[in-house]
Amino acid sequence: MANLTGYIFLLLGIALGILSNGFLKSTEGFTSINPTIFCIITIIACIFCLSKAMNIIPVGFTYATYGGLTITAVTLFGIFKYGQVPNNYAIIGIFFIIIGVILLNTLGKTN
């Protein structure tokens, strides 16, 4: 049951990280107040969830999964919200990130 709680906090952290990073462009350099407040609140909540997840799941697994999935999702967010289509090299890089997260979570071991 404890592992499930850790992964729930991790998924919440990922979702909040995607929201915060996805809407960061709309803050216009922190000059637009409402998106800025939204981004600040979501990133603080994200860090809180990650800290809770790291109490249960090893730090490396937590942060690598958070980073990889957040990078991938924010890239997709940029495609759909801002029309920022990555080139072939970026797509290949994201593919390798996803493969790395899968390998880490399925075959990675900690002592």
N, C-alpha and C. Protein backbone atom coordinates (compact mmCIF):
# COMPACT_ATOMS: atom_id res chain seq x y z
N MET A 1 0.83 -1.20 0.00
CA MET A 1 0.00 0.00 0.00
C MET A 1 0.87 1.26 0.00
N ALA A 2 2.01 1.20 0.69
CA ALA A 2 2.88 2.37 0.75
C ALA A 2 3.42 2.74 -0.62
N ASN A 3 3.82 1.72 -1.41
CA ASN A 3 4.32 2.02 -2.76
C ASN A 3 3.25 2.70 -3.61
N LEU A 4 2.01 2.26 -3.47
CA LEU A 4 0.91 2.86 -4.23
C LEU A 4 0.77 4.34 -3.87
N THR A 5 0.88 4.65 -2.60
CA THR A 5 0.80 6.05 -2.17
C THR A 5 1.92 6.87 -2.78
N GLY A 6 3.12 6.31 -2.82
CA GLY A 6 4.25 7.00 -3.44
C GLY A 6 4.02 7.28 -4.90
N TYR A 7 3.47 6.30 -5.61
CA TYR A 7 3.22 6.50 -7.03
C TYR A 7 2.06 7.45 -7.29
N ILE A 8 1.10 7.50 -6.38
CA ILE A 8 0.01 8.48 -6.51
C ILE A 8 0.58 9.89 -6.36
N PHE A 9 1.44 10.08 -5.34
CA PHE A 9 2.08 11.40 -5.18
C PHE A 9 2.95 11.73 -6.39
N LEU A 10 3.63 10.73 -6.94
CA LEU A 10 4.46 10.96 -8.12
C LEU A 10 3.61 11.39 -9.31
N LEU A 11 2.49 10.71 -9.53
CA LEU A 11 1.61 11.08 -10.64
C LEU A 11 1.03 12.48 -10.45
N LEU A 12 0.67 12.82 -9.22
CA LEU A 12 0.19 14.18 -8.95
C LEU A 12 1.28 15.21 -9.21
N GLY A 13 2.50 14.88 -8.78
CA GLY A 13 3.63 15.78 -9.03
C GLY A 13 3.88 15.98 -10.51
N ILE A 14 3.78 14.90 -11.28
CA ILE A 14 3.98 14.99 -12.73
C ILE A 14 2.89 15.86 -13.35
N ALA A 15 1.65 15.62 -12.96
CA ALA A 15 0.54 16.42 -13.52
C ALA A 15 0.71 17.90 -13.17
N LEU A 16 1.06 18.19 -11.93
CA LEU A 16 1.25 19.59 -11.53
C LEU A 16 2.47 20.21 -12.22
N GLY A 17 3.53 19.42 -12.41
CA GLY A 17 4.70 19.91 -13.14
C GLY A 17 4.38 20.23 -14.59
N ILE A 18 3.56 19.39 -15.20
CA ILE A 18 3.14 19.64 -16.59
C ILE A 18 2.35 20.94 -16.66
N LEU A 19 1.42 21.12 -15.74
CA LEU A 19 0.62 22.35 -15.74
C LEU A 19 1.49 23.57 -15.54
N SER A 20 2.36 23.51 -14.55
CA SER A 20 3.21 24.66 -14.23
C SER A 20 4.12 25.01 -15.40
N ASN A 21 4.83 24.02 -15.93
CA ASN A 21 5.76 24.28 -17.03
C ASN A 21 5.04 24.58 -18.34
N GLY A 22 3.89 23.96 -18.53
CA GLY A 22 3.14 24.20 -19.76
C GLY A 22 2.61 25.61 -19.88
N PHE A 23 2.20 26.18 -18.77
CA PHE A 23 1.64 27.53 -18.79
C PHE A 23 2.67 28.61 -18.47
N LEU A 24 3.93 28.21 -18.29
CA LEU A 24 4.97 29.19 -17.95
C LEU A 24 5.14 30.25 -19.04
N LYS A 25 4.99 29.86 -20.30
CA LYS A 25 5.11 30.82 -21.41
C LYS A 25 4.05 31.91 -21.31
N SER A 26 2.86 31.54 -20.83
CA SER A 26 1.77 32.51 -20.76
C SER A 26 1.97 33.54 -19.65
N THR A 27 2.96 33.36 -18.78
CA THR A 27 3.25 34.38 -17.76
C THR A 27 3.92 35.61 -18.36
N GLU A 28 4.43 35.48 -19.59
CA GLU A 28 5.11 36.57 -20.29
C GLU A 28 6.22 37.17 -19.42
N GLY A 29 7.11 36.29 -18.97
CA GLY A 29 8.22 36.75 -18.14
C GLY A 29 7.79 37.21 -16.76
N PHE A 30 6.76 36.59 -16.23
CA PHE A 30 6.18 36.93 -14.92
C PHE A 30 5.61 38.34 -14.88
N THR A 31 5.17 38.85 -16.01
CA THR A 31 4.53 40.17 -16.04
C THR A 31 3.01 40.06 -16.07
N SER A 32 2.49 38.90 -16.43
CA SER A 32 1.05 38.66 -16.43
C SER A 32 0.70 37.97 -15.11
N ILE A 33 -0.06 38.63 -14.26
CA ILE A 33 -0.21 38.22 -12.86
C ILE A 33 -0.96 36.90 -12.67
N ASN A 34 -2.08 36.69 -13.34
CA ASN A 34 -2.86 35.47 -13.11
C ASN A 34 -2.11 34.20 -13.52
N PRO A 35 -1.51 34.14 -14.70
CA PRO A 35 -0.73 32.94 -15.03
C PRO A 35 0.48 32.76 -14.11
N THR A 36 1.06 33.87 -13.67
CA THR A 36 2.20 33.79 -12.76
C THR A 36 1.79 33.16 -11.43
N ILE A 37 0.69 33.60 -10.87
CA ILE A 37 0.19 33.03 -9.61
C ILE A 37 -0.13 31.55 -9.80
N PHE A 38 -0.77 31.20 -10.92
CA PHE A 38 -1.10 29.81 -11.22
C PHE A 38 0.17 28.96 -11.27
N CYS A 39 1.19 29.44 -11.95
CA CYS A 39 2.44 28.68 -12.08
C CYS A 39 3.15 28.53 -10.73
N ILE A 40 3.14 29.57 -9.92
CA ILE A 40 3.78 29.50 -8.61
C ILE A 40 3.07 28.48 -7.71
N ILE A 41 1.76 28.53 -7.69
CA ILE A 41 1.00 27.60 -6.85
C ILE A 41 1.20 26.16 -7.32
N THR A 42 1.14 25.92 -8.64
CA THR A 42 1.27 24.55 -9.13
C THR A 42 2.68 24.00 -8.95
N ILE A 43 3.71 24.83 -9.07
CA ILE A 43 5.07 24.31 -8.89
C ILE A 43 5.34 24.02 -7.41
N ILE A 44 4.79 24.83 -6.52
CA ILE A 44 4.94 24.54 -5.09
C ILE A 44 4.22 23.24 -4.73
N ALA A 45 3.02 23.06 -5.24
CA ALA A 45 2.28 21.81 -5.00
C ALA A 45 3.01 20.62 -5.62
N CYS A 46 3.61 20.83 -6.79
CA CYS A 46 4.38 19.79 -7.46
C CYS A 46 5.55 19.35 -6.59
N ILE A 47 6.31 20.30 -6.07
CA ILE A 47 7.47 19.99 -5.23
C ILE A 47 7.02 19.28 -3.95
N PHE A 48 5.90 19.70 -3.39
CA PHE A 48 5.37 19.02 -2.21
C PHE A 48 5.07 17.55 -2.52
N CYS A 49 4.38 17.30 -3.63
CA CYS A 49 4.05 15.92 -4.02
C CYS A 49 5.31 15.10 -4.28
N LEU A 50 6.30 15.70 -4.93
CA LEU A 50 7.55 14.97 -5.18
C LEU A 50 8.26 14.64 -3.87
N SER A 51 8.23 15.54 -2.92
CA SER A 51 8.89 15.27 -1.63
C SER A 51 8.19 14.13 -0.90
N LYS A 52 6.86 14.08 -1.01
CA LYS A 52 6.12 12.97 -0.40
C LYS A 52 6.42 11.65 -1.11
N ALA A 53 6.52 11.70 -2.43
CA ALA A 53 6.83 10.49 -3.20
C ALA A 53 8.22 9.99 -2.85
N MET A 54 9.18 10.91 -2.64
CA MET A 54 10.55 10.52 -2.34
C MET A 54 10.70 9.91 -0.96
N ASN A 55 9.71 10.07 -0.09
CA ASN A 55 9.73 9.38 1.20
C ASN A 55 9.47 7.89 1.04
N ILE A 56 8.88 7.49 -0.08
CA ILE A 56 8.48 6.10 -0.31
C ILE A 56 9.29 5.47 -1.44
N ILE A 57 9.42 6.19 -2.54
CA ILE A 57 10.12 5.70 -3.73
C ILE A 57 11.54 6.27 -3.71
N PRO A 58 12.55 5.50 -4.14
CA PRO A 58 13.92 6.04 -4.16
C PRO A 58 14.01 7.34 -4.96
N VAL A 59 14.87 8.24 -4.50
CA VAL A 59 15.01 9.57 -5.09
C VAL A 59 15.30 9.51 -6.59
N GLY A 60 16.23 8.66 -6.99
CA GLY A 60 16.60 8.56 -8.41
C GLY A 60 15.44 8.14 -9.29
N PHE A 61 14.69 7.16 -8.84
CA PHE A 61 13.53 6.70 -9.60
C PHE A 61 12.48 7.80 -9.69
N THR A 62 12.23 8.44 -8.55
CA THR A 62 11.21 9.49 -8.52
C THR A 62 11.56 10.63 -9.46
N TYR A 63 12.77 11.16 -9.33
CA TYR A 63 13.11 12.33 -10.11
C TYR A 63 13.30 12.02 -11.59
N ALA A 64 13.86 10.85 -11.90
CA ALA A 64 14.02 10.48 -13.31
C ALA A 64 12.66 10.29 -13.98
N THR A 65 11.74 9.66 -13.28
CA THR A 65 10.40 9.46 -13.84
C THR A 65 9.69 10.80 -13.99
N TYR A 66 9.77 11.63 -12.96
CA TYR A 66 9.16 12.96 -13.03
C TYR A 66 9.75 13.76 -14.19
N GLY A 67 11.06 13.82 -14.26
CA GLY A 67 11.72 14.61 -15.29
C GLY A 67 11.40 14.12 -16.70
N GLY A 68 11.53 12.82 -16.90
CA GLY A 68 11.30 12.27 -18.24
C GLY A 68 9.87 12.44 -18.71
N LEU A 69 8.93 12.12 -17.85
CA LEU A 69 7.52 12.22 -18.26
C LEU A 69 7.06 13.67 -18.38
N THR A 70 7.60 14.53 -17.53
CA THR A 70 7.24 15.95 -17.61
C THR A 70 7.80 16.57 -18.89
N ILE A 71 9.06 16.27 -19.22
CA ILE A 71 9.65 16.78 -20.47
C ILE A 71 8.83 16.34 -21.67
N THR A 72 8.48 15.06 -21.70
CA THR A 72 7.70 14.52 -22.82
C THR A 72 6.33 15.19 -22.91
N ALA A 73 5.65 15.29 -21.79
CA ALA A 73 4.30 15.86 -21.80
C ALA A 73 4.31 17.36 -22.11
N VAL A 74 5.29 18.09 -21.60
CA VAL A 74 5.36 19.52 -21.88
C VAL A 74 5.68 19.74 -23.36
N THR A 75 6.47 18.86 -23.95
CA THR A 75 6.72 18.95 -25.39
C THR A 75 5.41 18.78 -26.16
N LEU A 76 4.62 17.79 -25.77
CA LEU A 76 3.31 17.59 -26.41
C LEU A 76 2.40 18.79 -26.16
N PHE A 77 2.45 19.34 -24.95
CA PHE A 77 1.68 20.53 -24.61
C PHE A 77 2.06 21.69 -25.53
N GLY A 78 3.36 21.85 -25.75
CA GLY A 78 3.84 22.91 -26.65
C GLY A 78 3.37 22.73 -28.08
N ILE A 79 3.27 21.46 -28.51
CA ILE A 79 2.78 21.19 -29.87
C ILE A 79 1.33 21.62 -30.00
N PHE A 80 0.50 21.21 -29.04
CA PHE A 80 -0.94 21.46 -29.15
C PHE A 80 -1.35 22.89 -28.77
N LYS A 81 -0.71 23.47 -27.74
CA LYS A 81 -1.13 24.82 -27.31
C LYS A 81 -0.43 25.92 -28.10
N TYR A 82 0.86 25.75 -28.40
CA TYR A 82 1.63 26.82 -29.02
C TYR A 82 2.07 26.52 -30.45
N GLY A 83 1.75 25.34 -30.97
CA GLY A 83 2.13 24.99 -32.33
C GLY A 83 3.63 24.85 -32.53
N GLN A 84 4.37 24.51 -31.47
CA GLN A 84 5.82 24.38 -31.53
C GLN A 84 6.19 22.93 -31.81
N VAL A 85 6.31 22.59 -33.08
CA VAL A 85 6.59 21.22 -33.48
C VAL A 85 8.10 20.97 -33.43
N PRO A 86 8.53 19.95 -32.66
CA PRO A 86 9.97 19.66 -32.57
C PRO A 86 10.49 19.03 -33.87
N ASN A 87 11.80 19.18 -34.11
CA ASN A 87 12.39 18.56 -35.29
C ASN A 87 12.67 17.09 -35.02
N ASN A 88 13.22 16.40 -36.02
CA ASN A 88 13.45 14.96 -35.89
C ASN A 88 14.40 14.61 -34.75
N TYR A 89 15.44 15.42 -34.55
CA TYR A 89 16.39 15.15 -33.48
C TYR A 89 15.73 15.24 -32.11
N ALA A 90 14.87 16.21 -31.94
CA ALA A 90 14.15 16.36 -30.68
C ALA A 90 13.22 15.17 -30.44
N ILE A 91 12.57 14.71 -31.49
CA ILE A 91 11.68 13.55 -31.37
C ILE A 91 12.47 12.31 -30.97
N ILE A 92 13.63 12.12 -31.60
CA ILE A 92 14.49 10.98 -31.25
C ILE A 92 14.95 11.10 -29.80
N GLY A 93 15.33 12.29 -29.37
CA GLY A 93 15.75 12.51 -27.99
C GLY A 93 14.64 12.19 -26.99
N ILE A 94 13.43 12.61 -27.29
CA ILE A 94 12.29 12.33 -26.42
C ILE A 94 12.02 10.83 -26.37
N PHE A 95 12.17 10.17 -27.51
CA PHE A 95 12.01 8.72 -27.55
C PHE A 95 13.02 8.05 -26.61
N PHE A 96 14.27 8.50 -26.63
CA PHE A 96 15.28 7.94 -25.74
C PHE A 96 14.98 8.24 -24.27
N ILE A 97 14.42 9.40 -23.99
CA ILE A 97 14.03 9.72 -22.62
C ILE A 97 12.98 8.74 -22.13
N ILE A 98 11.98 8.49 -22.96
CA ILE A 98 10.91 7.55 -22.59
C ILE A 98 11.48 6.15 -22.37
N ILE A 99 12.36 5.71 -23.27
CA ILE A 99 12.99 4.40 -23.12
C ILE A 99 13.78 4.35 -21.81
N GLY A 100 14.50 5.42 -21.49
CA GLY A 100 15.27 5.48 -20.24
C GLY A 100 14.38 5.37 -19.01
N VAL A 101 13.25 6.05 -19.01
CA VAL A 101 12.33 5.98 -17.88
C VAL A 101 11.78 4.56 -17.74
N ILE A 102 11.43 3.95 -18.86
CA ILE A 102 10.92 2.57 -18.82
C ILE A 102 11.98 1.62 -18.28
N LEU A 103 13.21 1.73 -18.77
CA LEU A 103 14.29 0.87 -18.31
C LEU A 103 14.56 1.07 -16.81
N LEU A 104 14.60 2.31 -16.40
CA LEU A 104 14.85 2.61 -14.99
C LEU A 104 13.80 2.00 -14.09
N ASN A 105 12.53 2.12 -14.48
CA ASN A 105 11.45 1.63 -13.64
C ASN A 105 11.23 0.13 -13.71
N THR A 106 11.67 -0.51 -14.78
CA THR A 106 11.45 -1.96 -14.89
C THR A 106 12.69 -2.75 -14.54
N LEU A 107 13.87 -2.29 -14.90
CA LEU A 107 15.09 -3.06 -14.67
C LEU A 107 16.03 -2.44 -13.67
N GLY A 108 15.83 -1.19 -13.32
CA GLY A 108 16.72 -0.50 -12.39
C GLY A 108 16.58 -1.05 -10.98
N LYS A 109 17.69 -1.15 -10.31
CA LYS A 109 17.71 -1.67 -8.93
C LYS A 109 18.42 -0.67 -8.03
N THR A 110 17.98 -0.61 -6.78
CA THR A 110 18.69 0.18 -5.78
C THR A 110 19.10 -0.74 -4.65
N ASN A 111 20.17 -0.37 -3.97
CA ASN A 111 20.68 -1.19 -2.85
C ASN A 111 20.08 -0.74 -1.55
